[in-house]
Amino acid sequence: MLTTNYPLLADQIAEFQQNGHIYLPQVVTEEILHPYRHAIRNWSSDFQAKQKPIEERDTYGKAFLQMMNLWEDDPMVREFVLAKRFGQLAADLLGVKQVRLYHDQALFKEPGGGLTPWHQDQYYWPIQTPKTVTMWMPLVDIQAGMGMLTFASGTQRVELPPMPISDESEAMIAQYVKDQEFPIVAQKTMQAGDATFHMGWTLHAAPGNESNTMREVMTVIFMDAEAEVMEPKNANQEADRLRWLSGYAPGRKADSPLNPVIN
């Protein structure tokens, strides 16, 4: 299944381009997903054990356990992250010939975990293109109250003052979204193997996890295969350039060993 194309419709591509996000059911089946979930959970065990108690963390730290580039360390996760099926979906939605991997990240929102403030992902990325997209896939069935990803539709071309995920971004962007009356969209439920895709500049957030179940999510970030490295505009982008783009210089094609074409 990971090597075959998802039957994406022209109307779905148009919806994604208009809204900056889309929900796609059963991108993979729960049966296919199971061994990859097991590998991701195994990887996360040591990470989780090393974290401070949730009450001692800041807003960002309370939002989720963030584990990045698992594909470098685990062959099963690598197989999942570099799956042709996901790359094909990303390329078709963006309207490009091929995509490269930017990086992956597992986002586990613990029981009692806090909200994920409103933000734009691409604030962090030194990539000279708006043609970026994140696949957000639950590894377990999730429902309202567990921290469902929430989008402000049509905000992928919004220009806001650059800001990291923070209490400040939550307050400012929440008010902006309300004032501009952008439609707020979130699934009521998602099954393991369903996925949402959202553009790098689409405003999004997630409420806290009020359940007793870990919200296990795996994400993969893709970019146009022709994208170039951009001169970093903040310290976060410089850190990303050094880590996720192998330190490649601004103006160079983003084709480092950490950024393979997905095909």
C-alpha atoms as a PDB file:
ATOM      1  CA  MET A   1       0.000   0.000   0.000  1.00  0.00           C
ATOM      2  CA  LEU A   2       2.837   2.439   0.757  1.00  0.00           C
ATOM      3  CA  THR A   3       4.153   1.958  -2.767  1.00  0.00           C
ATOM      4  CA  THR A   4       0.836   2.622  -4.557  1.00  0.00           C
ATOM      5  CA  ASN A   5      -0.865   5.931  -5.299  1.00  0.00           C
ATOM      6  CA  TYR A   6      -3.756   7.278  -3.247  1.00  0.00           C
ATOM      7  CA  PRO A   7      -6.808   7.939  -5.474  1.00  0.00           C
ATOM      8  CA  LEU A   8      -6.761  11.719  -5.184  1.00  0.00           C
ATOM      9  CA  LEU A   9      -9.501  13.615  -7.058  1.00  0.00           C
ATOM     10  CA  ALA A  10      -9.181  16.911  -8.912  1.00  0.00           C
ATOM     11  CA  ASP A  11     -11.808  18.425  -6.588  1.00  0.00           C
ATOM     12  CA  GLN A  12      -9.693  17.490  -3.576  1.00  0.00           C
ATOM     13  CA  ILE A  13      -6.623  19.187  -5.043  1.00  0.00           C
ATOM     14  CA  ALA A  14      -8.717  22.304  -5.712  1.00  0.00           C
ATOM     15  CA  GLU A  15     -10.044  22.216  -2.132  1.00  0.00           C
ATOM     16  CA  PHE A  16      -6.511  22.006  -0.766  1.00  0.00           C
ATOM     17  CA  GLN A  17      -5.308  24.892  -2.925  1.00  0.00           C
ATOM     18  CA  GLN A  18      -8.244  27.053  -1.840  1.00  0.00           C
ATOM     19  CA  ASN A  19      -8.285  26.263   1.877  1.00  0.00           C
ATOM     20  CA  GLY A  20      -4.614  25.489   2.547  1.00  0.00           C
ATOM     21  CA  HIS A  21      -5.502  22.151   4.137  1.00  0.00           C
ATOM     22  CA  ILE A  22      -7.455  18.949   3.518  1.00  0.00           C
ATOM     23  CA  TYR A  23      -8.571  15.809   5.338  1.00  0.00           C
ATOM     24  CA  LEU A  24      -8.065  12.480   3.540  1.00  0.00           C
ATOM     25  CA  PRO A  25      -9.537   9.268   4.985  1.00  0.00           C
ATOM     26  CA  GLN A  26      -7.608   6.012   5.200  1.00  0.00           C
ATOM     27  CA  VAL A  27      -4.380   7.142   3.588  1.00  0.00           C
ATOM     28  CA  VAL A  28      -3.174   3.840   5.030  1.00  0.00           C
ATOM     29  CA  THR A  29      -5.143   1.107   6.766  1.00  0.00           C
ATOM     30  CA  GLU A  30      -4.715   0.475  10.482  1.00  0.00           C
ATOM     31  CA  GLU A  31      -3.349  -2.979   9.643  1.00  0.00           C
ATOM     32  CA  ILE A  32      -0.633  -1.537   7.393  1.00  0.00           C
ATOM     33  CA  LEU A  33       0.103   1.196   9.935  1.00  0.00           C
ATOM     34  CA  HIS A  34       0.515  -1.150  12.909  1.00  0.00           C
ATOM     35  CA  PRO A  35       4.219  -2.146  12.590  1.00  0.00           C
ATOM     36  CA  TYR A  36       5.245   1.445  11.888  1.00  0.00           C
ATOM     37  CA  ARG A  37       3.330   2.667  14.917  1.00  0.00           C
ATOM     38  CA  HIS A  38       5.148   0.046  16.979  1.00  0.00           C
ATOM     39  CA  ALA A  39       8.521   1.306  15.717  1.00  0.00           C
ATOM     40  CA  ILE A  40       7.644   4.937  16.432  1.00  0.00           C
ATOM     41  CA  ARG A  41       6.371   4.111  19.925  1.00  0.00           C
ATOM     42  CA  ASN A  42       9.537   2.159  20.699  1.00  0.00           C
ATOM     43  CA  TRP A  43      11.637   5.112  19.601  1.00  0.00           C
ATOM     44  CA  SER A  44       9.611   7.472  21.787  1.00  0.00           C
ATOM     45  CA  SER A  45       9.928   5.499  25.020  1.00  0.00           C
ATOM     46  CA  ASP A  46      13.404   6.733  25.976  1.00  0.00           C
ATOM     47  CA  PHE A  47      12.589  10.267  24.876  1.00  0.00           C
ATOM     48  CA  GLN A  48       9.486  10.402  27.023  1.00  0.00           C
ATOM     49  CA  ALA A  49      11.315   9.065  30.066  1.00  0.00           C
ATOM     50  CA  LYS A  50      13.832  11.940  29.895  1.00  0.00           C
ATOM     51  CA  GLN A  51      11.267  14.753  29.961  1.00  0.00           C
ATOM     52  CA  LYS A  52      10.448  16.989  32.908  1.00  0.00           C
ATOM     53  CA  PRO A  53       7.075  16.523  34.599  1.00  0.00           C
ATOM     54  CA  ILE A  54       4.486  18.258  32.446  1.00  0.00           C
ATOM     55  CA  GLU A  55       3.682  20.853  35.118  1.00  0.00           C
ATOM     56  CA  GLU A  56       7.315  22.069  35.008  1.00  0.00           C
ATOM     57  CA  ARG A  57       7.355  22.790  31.257  1.00  0.00           C
ATOM     58  CA  ASP A  58       6.553  25.968  29.340  1.00  0.00           C
ATOM     59  CA  THR A  59       3.620  26.307  26.951  1.00  0.00           C
ATOM     60  CA  TYR A  60       5.543  24.749  24.049  1.00  0.00           C
ATOM     61  CA  GLY A  61       6.755  21.874  26.197  1.00  0.00           C
ATOM     62  CA  LYS A  62       3.273  21.155  27.509  1.00  0.00           C
ATOM     63  CA  ALA A  63       1.813  21.074  24.000  1.00  0.00           C
ATOM     64  CA  PHE A  64       3.435  17.816  22.904  1.00  0.00           C
ATOM     65  CA  LEU A  65       6.435  15.530  23.027  1.00  0.00           C
ATOM     66  CA  GLN A  66       8.298  16.468  19.836  1.00  0.00           C
ATOM     67  CA  MET A  67      10.619  13.809  18.390  1.00  0.00           C
ATOM     68  CA  MET A  68      12.309  14.629  15.107  1.00  0.00           C
ATOM     69  CA  ASN A  69      13.954  12.835  12.169  1.00  0.00           C
ATOM     70  CA  LEU A  70      13.234   9.362  13.462  1.00  0.00           C
ATOM     71  CA  TRP A  71      13.848   8.091   9.929  1.00  0.00           C
ATOM     72  CA  GLU A  72      17.598   8.576  10.390  1.00  0.00           C
ATOM     73  CA  ASP A  73      17.723   6.059  13.231  1.00  0.00           C
ATOM     74  CA  ASP A  74      15.138   3.381  12.507  1.00  0.00           C
ATOM     75  CA  PRO A  75      14.758   1.356   9.267  1.00  0.00           C
ATOM     76  CA  MET A  76      11.017   0.841   9.799  1.00  0.00           C
ATOM     77  CA  VAL A  77      10.394   4.540  10.340  1.00  0.00           C
ATOM     78  CA  ARG A  78      12.536   5.293   7.292  1.00  0.00           C
ATOM     79  CA  GLU A  79      10.340   3.017   5.170  1.00  0.00           C
ATOM     80  CA  PHE A  80       7.278   4.856   6.424  1.00  0.00           C
ATOM     81  CA  VAL A  81       8.564   8.422   6.085  1.00  0.00           C
ATOM     82  CA  LEU A  82       9.953   7.882   2.571  1.00  0.00           C
ATOM     83  CA  ALA A  83       6.831   6.078   1.333  1.00  0.00           C
ATOM     84  CA  LYS A  84       5.987   6.768  -2.304  1.00  0.00           C
ATOM     85  CA  ARG A  85       2.286   7.047  -1.410  1.00  0.00           C
ATOM     86  CA  PHE A  86       2.889  10.038   0.874  1.00  0.00           C
ATOM     87  CA  GLY A  87       5.268  11.757  -1.527  1.00  0.00           C
ATOM     88  CA  GLN A  88       2.805  11.356  -4.390  1.00  0.00           C
ATOM     89  CA  LEU A  89       0.040  12.912  -2.321  1.00  0.00           C
ATOM     90  CA  ALA A  90       2.250  15.842  -1.305  1.00  0.00           C
ATOM     91  CA  ALA A  91       3.385  16.488  -4.881  1.00  0.00           C
ATOM     92  CA  ASP A  92      -0.124  16.268  -6.333  1.00  0.00           C
ATOM     93  CA  LEU A  93      -1.595  18.574  -3.697  1.00  0.00           C
ATOM     94  CA  LEU A  94       1.164  21.151  -4.205  1.00  0.00           C
ATOM     95  CA  GLY A  95       1.027  20.847  -7.981  1.00  0.00           C
ATOM     96  CA  VAL A  96       4.720  20.028  -8.382  1.00  0.00           C
ATOM     97  CA  LYS A  97       6.526  17.231 -10.192  1.00  0.00           C
ATOM     98  CA  GLN A  98       8.284  15.805  -7.129  1.00  0.00           C
ATOM     99  CA  VAL A  99       8.835  16.584  -3.466  1.00  0.00           C
ATOM    100  CA  ARG A 100      11.740  16.196  -1.077  1.00  0.00           C
ATOM    101  CA  LEU A 101      11.659  15.355   2.580  1.00  0.00           C
ATOM    102  CA  TYR A 102      12.267  18.311   4.880  1.00  0.00           C
ATOM    103  CA  HIS A 103      12.023  16.318   8.081  1.00  0.00           C
ATOM    104  CA  ASP A 104       9.683  14.119  10.069  1.00  0.00           C
ATOM    105  CA  GLN A 105       8.445  14.574  13.604  1.00  0.00           C
ATOM    106  CA  ALA A 106       6.354  12.521  15.988  1.00  0.00           C
ATOM    107  CA  LEU A 107       4.030  14.722  18.057  1.00  0.00           C
ATOM    108  CA  PHE A 108       2.652  12.892  21.080  1.00  0.00           C
ATOM    109  CA  LYS A 109       0.231  14.964  23.151  1.00  0.00           C
ATOM    110  CA  GLU A 110       0.121  13.438  26.616  1.00  0.00           C
ATOM    111  CA  PRO A 111      -3.036  13.051  28.730  1.00  0.00           C
ATOM    112  CA  GLY A 112      -3.393  16.439  30.344  1.00  0.00           C
ATOM    113  CA  GLY A 113      -1.156  17.997  27.702  1.00  0.00           C
ATOM    114  CA  GLY A 114      -1.765  21.662  26.946  1.00  0.00           C
ATOM    115  CA  LEU A 115      -2.949  23.437  23.844  1.00  0.00           C
ATOM    116  CA  THR A 116      -0.788  23.886  20.786  1.00  0.00           C
ATOM    117  CA  PRO A 117      -0.944  27.666  20.205  1.00  0.00           C
ATOM    118  CA  TRP A 118      -1.899  29.156  16.851  1.00  0.00           C
ATOM    119  CA  HIS A 119       1.120  29.378  14.574  1.00  0.00           C
ATOM    120  CA  GLN A 120       2.558  29.066  11.072  1.00  0.00           C
ATOM    121  CA  ASP A 121       5.040  26.219  10.610  1.00  0.00           C
ATOM    122  CA  GLN A 122       7.072  27.969   7.948  1.00  0.00           C
ATOM    123  CA  TYR A 123       8.229  30.611  10.415  1.00  0.00           C
ATOM    124  CA  TYR A 124      10.808  27.939  11.345  1.00  0.00           C
ATOM    125  CA  TRP A 125      11.870  26.895   7.837  1.00  0.00           C
ATOM    126  CA  PRO A 126      14.646  28.552   5.764  1.00  0.00           C
ATOM    127  CA  ILE A 127      13.102  27.318   2.510  1.00  0.00           C
ATOM    128  CA  GLN A 128      12.683  29.653  -0.468  1.00  0.00           C
ATOM    129  CA  THR A 129       9.256  28.441  -1.589  1.00  0.00           C
ATOM    130  CA  PRO A 130       5.662  28.475  -0.340  1.00  0.00           C
ATOM    131  CA  LYS A 131       5.243  24.990  -1.826  1.00  0.00           C
ATOM    132  CA  THR A 132       5.568  23.056   1.415  1.00  0.00           C
ATOM    133  CA  VAL A 133       3.113  20.690   3.072  1.00  0.00           C
ATOM    134  CA  THR A 134       2.854  18.676   6.266  1.00  0.00           C
ATOM    135  CA  MET A 135       1.127  15.318   6.517  1.00  0.00           C
ATOM    136  CA  TRP A 136      -0.387  14.878  10.012  1.00  0.00           C
ATOM    137  CA  MET A 137      -1.359  11.235  10.635  1.00  0.00           C
ATOM    138  CA  PRO A 138      -2.789   9.818  13.871  1.00  0.00           C
ATOM    139  CA  LEU A 139      -1.322   6.463  14.872  1.00  0.00           C
ATOM    140  CA  VAL A 140      -4.384   5.814  17.059  1.00  0.00           C
ATOM    141  CA  ASP A 141      -8.051   6.725  16.700  1.00  0.00           C
ATOM    142  CA  ILE A 142      -8.612  10.245  18.012  1.00  0.00           C
ATOM    143  CA  GLN A 143     -11.655  12.351  18.743  1.00  0.00           C
ATOM    144  CA  ALA A 144     -12.643  15.737  20.097  1.00  0.00           C
ATOM    145  CA  GLY A 145     -10.975  16.344  23.435  1.00  0.00           C
ATOM    146  CA  MET A 146      -7.703  14.661  22.471  1.00  0.00           C
ATOM    147  CA  GLY A 147      -6.091  17.621  20.720  1.00  0.00           C
ATOM    148  CA  MET A 148      -7.474  17.558  17.177  1.00  0.00           C
ATOM    149  CA  LEU A 149      -5.558  19.659  14.653  1.00  0.00           C
ATOM    150  CA  THR A 150      -7.554  22.798  13.873  1.00  0.00           C
ATOM    151  CA  PHE A 151      -7.168  25.057  10.826  1.00  0.00           C
ATOM    152  CA  ALA A 152      -8.109  28.586   9.856  1.00  0.00           C
ATOM    153  CA  SER A 153      -9.147  28.005   6.249  1.00  0.00           C
ATOM    154  CA  GLY A 154      -7.715  30.249   3.555  1.00  0.00           C
ATOM    155  CA  THR A 155      -4.847  31.611   5.644  1.00  0.00           C
ATOM    156  CA  GLN A 156      -1.998  30.100   3.631  1.00  0.00           C
ATOM    157  CA  ARG A 157      -1.272  33.478   2.028  1.00  0.00           C
ATOM    158  CA  VAL A 158      -1.690  35.552   5.185  1.00  0.00           C
ATOM    159  CA  GLU A 159       1.331  37.662   6.170  1.00  0.00           C
ATOM    160  CA  LEU A 160       1.659  38.091   9.918  1.00  0.00           C
ATOM    161  CA  PRO A 161       4.509  39.389  12.066  1.00  0.00           C
ATOM    162  CA  PRO A 162       6.933  36.466  12.400  1.00  0.00           C
ATOM    163  CA  MET A 163       6.615  34.728  15.745  1.00  0.00           C
ATOM    164  CA  PRO A 164       7.356  31.309  17.241  1.00  0.00           C
ATOM    165  CA  ILE A 165       4.814  29.048  18.918  1.00  0.00           C
ATOM    166  CA  SER A 166       4.100  30.817  22.191  1.00  0.00           C
ATOM    167  CA  ASP A 167       1.460  32.357  24.442  1.00  0.00           C
ATOM    168  CA  GLU A 168       1.912  35.516  22.371  1.00  0.00           C
ATOM    169  CA  SER A 169       1.210  33.735  19.075  1.00  0.00           C
ATOM    170  CA  GLU A 170      -1.882  32.152  20.590  1.00  0.00           C
ATOM    171  CA  ALA A 171      -3.308  35.468  21.769  1.00  0.00           C
ATOM    172  CA  MET A 172      -2.472  37.511  18.674  1.00  0.00           C
ATOM    173  CA  ILE A 173      -3.411  34.972  16.019  1.00  0.00           C
ATOM    174  CA  ALA A 174      -6.580  33.830  17.799  1.00  0.00           C
ATOM    175  CA  GLN A 175      -7.792  37.428  17.836  1.00  0.00           C
ATOM    176  CA  TYR A 176      -6.751  37.950  14.210  1.00  0.00           C
ATOM    177  CA  VAL A 177      -8.577  34.824  13.047  1.00  0.00           C
ATOM    178  CA  LYS A 178     -11.684  35.924  14.940  1.00  0.00           C
ATOM    179  CA  ASP A 179     -11.566  39.482  13.600  1.00  0.00           C
ATOM    180  CA  GLN A 180     -11.085  38.322   9.998  1.00  0.00           C
ATOM    181  CA  GLU A 181     -13.790  35.654  10.377  1.00  0.00           C
ATOM    182  CA  PHE A 182     -11.757  32.863   8.817  1.00  0.00           C
ATOM    183  CA  PRO A 183     -13.627  29.532   8.897  1.00  0.00           C
ATOM    184  CA  ILE A 184     -12.305  27.277  11.678  1.00  0.00           C
ATOM    185  CA  VAL A 185     -12.140  23.628  10.615  1.00  0.00           C
ATOM    186  CA  ALA A 186     -11.343  20.512  12.633  1.00  0.00           C
ATOM    187  CA  GLN A 187     -12.380  16.888  12.252  1.00  0.00           C
ATOM    188  CA  LYS A 188     -14.617  15.532  14.994  1.00  0.00           C
ATOM    189  CA  THR A 189     -12.864  12.169  14.782  1.00  0.00           C
ATOM    190  CA  MET A 190      -9.964  10.630  12.861  1.00  0.00           C
ATOM    191  CA  GLN A 191      -9.066   6.985  12.571  1.00  0.00           C
ATOM    192  CA  ALA A 192      -5.523   5.676  12.704  1.00  0.00           C
ATOM    193  CA  GLY A 193      -4.162   6.004   9.175  1.00  0.00           C
ATOM    194  CA  ASP A 194      -6.347   8.970   8.200  1.00  0.00           C
ATOM    195  CA  ALA A 195      -4.400  12.162   7.537  1.00  0.00           C
ATOM    196  CA  THR A 196      -4.648  15.882   7.129  1.00  0.00           C
ATOM    197  CA  PHE A 197      -2.313  17.840   4.866  1.00  0.00           C
ATOM    198  CA  HIS A 198      -1.663  21.548   5.385  1.00  0.00           C
ATOM    199  CA  MET A 199       0.531  24.150   3.721  1.00  0.00           C
ATOM    200  CA  GLY A 200       3.484  25.610   5.584  1.00  0.00           C
ATOM    201  CA  TRP A 201       1.869  29.032   6.030  1.00  0.00           C
ATOM    202  CA  THR A 202      -1.645  27.818   6.938  1.00  0.00           C
ATOM    203  CA  LEU A 203      -2.596  28.979  10.415  1.00  0.00           C
ATOM    204  CA  HIS A 204      -3.358  26.078  12.725  1.00  0.00           C
ATOM    205  CA  ALA A 205      -3.563  25.078  16.381  1.00  0.00           C
ATOM    206  CA  ALA A 206      -4.761  22.229  18.586  1.00  0.00           C
ATOM    207  CA  PRO A 207      -6.573  22.161  21.932  1.00  0.00           C
ATOM    208  CA  GLY A 208      -5.234  20.287  24.922  1.00  0.00           C
ATOM    209  CA  ASN A 209      -5.673  16.571  25.488  1.00  0.00           C
ATOM    210  CA  GLU A 210      -8.462  16.142  28.021  1.00  0.00           C
ATOM    211  CA  SER A 211      -8.564  12.355  27.650  1.00  0.00           C
ATOM    212  CA  ASN A 212      -6.619   9.610  29.414  1.00  0.00           C
ATOM    213  CA  THR A 213      -5.092   8.450  26.127  1.00  0.00           C
ATOM    214  CA  MET A 214      -1.865   9.606  24.487  1.00  0.00           C
ATOM    215  CA  ARG A 215      -2.597  11.399  21.215  1.00  0.00           C
ATOM    216  CA  GLU A 216      -0.015   9.684  19.013  1.00  0.00           C
ATOM    217  CA  VAL A 217       0.616  11.499  15.739  1.00  0.00           C
ATOM    218  CA  MET A 218       3.343  11.134  13.120  1.00  0.00           C
ATOM    219  CA  THR A 219       4.041  13.984  10.740  1.00  0.00           C
ATOM    220  CA  VAL A 220       6.129  14.250   7.585  1.00  0.00           C
ATOM    221  CA  ILE A 221       7.059  17.611   6.061  1.00  0.00           C
ATOM    222  CA  PHE A 222       7.597  17.835   2.313  1.00  0.00           C
ATOM    223  CA  MET A 223       8.864  20.608   0.038  1.00  0.00           C
ATOM    224  CA  ASP A 224       9.006  21.152  -3.717  1.00  0.00           C
ATOM    225  CA  ALA A 225      11.989  19.156  -5.009  1.00  0.00           C
ATOM    226  CA  GLU A 226      13.268  22.332  -6.707  1.00  0.00           C
ATOM    227  CA  ALA A 227      13.272  24.382  -3.487  1.00  0.00           C
ATOM    228  CA  GLU A 228      16.370  26.336  -2.482  1.00  0.00           C
ATOM    229  CA  VAL A 229      17.809  27.158   0.910  1.00  0.00           C
ATOM    230  CA  MET A 230      16.879  30.667   2.039  1.00  0.00           C
ATOM    231  CA  GLU A 231      18.937  33.146   4.038  1.00  0.00           C
ATOM    232  CA  PRO A 232      17.681  32.535   7.597  1.00  0.00           C
ATOM    233  CA  LYS A 233      15.495  35.304   8.990  1.00  0.00           C
ATOM    234  CA  ASN A 234      15.646  34.264  12.639  1.00  0.00           C
ATOM    235  CA  ALA A 235      17.607  32.022  14.998  1.00  0.00           C
ATOM    236  CA  ASN A 236      15.101  29.197  14.584  1.00  0.00           C
ATOM    237  CA  GLN A 237      15.590  29.164  10.821  1.00  0.00           C
ATOM    238  CA  GLU A 238      19.360  29.153  11.228  1.00  0.00           C
ATOM    239  CA  ALA A 239      19.118  26.172  13.573  1.00  0.00           C
ATOM    240  CA  ASP A 240      16.915  24.414  11.019  1.00  0.00           C
ATOM    241  CA  ARG A 241      19.360  25.210   8.203  1.00  0.00           C
ATOM    242  CA  LEU A 242      22.194  23.615  10.133  1.00  0.00           C
ATOM    243  CA  ARG A 243      20.230  20.544  11.241  1.00  0.00           C
ATOM    244  CA  TRP A 244      17.623  19.659   8.611  1.00  0.00           C
ATOM    245  CA  LEU A 245      19.412  21.031   5.533  1.00  0.00           C
ATOM    246  CA  SER A 246      22.919  19.775   6.423  1.00  0.00           C
ATOM    247  CA  GLY A 247      24.177  23.347   6.740  1.00  0.00           C
ATOM    248  CA  TYR A 248      23.744  24.045   3.024  1.00  0.00           C
ATOM    249  CA  ALA A 249      24.392  27.674   2.065  1.00  0.00           C
ATOM    250  CA  PRO A 250      21.556  30.049   1.144  1.00  0.00           C
ATOM    251  CA  GLY A 251      20.836  29.977  -2.582  1.00  0.00           C
ATOM    252  CA  ARG A 252      21.814  26.344  -2.931  1.00  0.00           C
ATOM    253  CA  LYS A 253      19.267  23.729  -3.926  1.00  0.00           C
ATOM    254  CA  ALA A 254      17.912  21.965  -0.822  1.00  0.00           C
ATOM    255  CA  ASP A 255      19.138  18.549  -1.936  1.00  0.00           C
ATOM    256  CA  SER A 256      21.283  17.482   1.000  1.00  0.00           C
ATOM    257  CA  PRO A 257      21.519  13.811   2.035  1.00  0.00           C
ATOM    258  CA  LEU A 258      18.828  14.571   4.632  1.00  0.00           C
ATOM    259  CA  ASN A 259      16.439  15.778   1.923  1.00  0.00           C
ATOM    260  CA  PRO A 260      15.911  12.896  -0.518  1.00  0.00           C
ATOM    261  CA  VAL A 261      13.381  13.037  -3.327  1.00  0.00           C
ATOM    262  CA  ILE A 262      10.370  10.853  -2.510  1.00  0.00           C
ATOM    263  CA  ASN A 263       9.629   8.585  -5.476  1.00  0.00           C
END
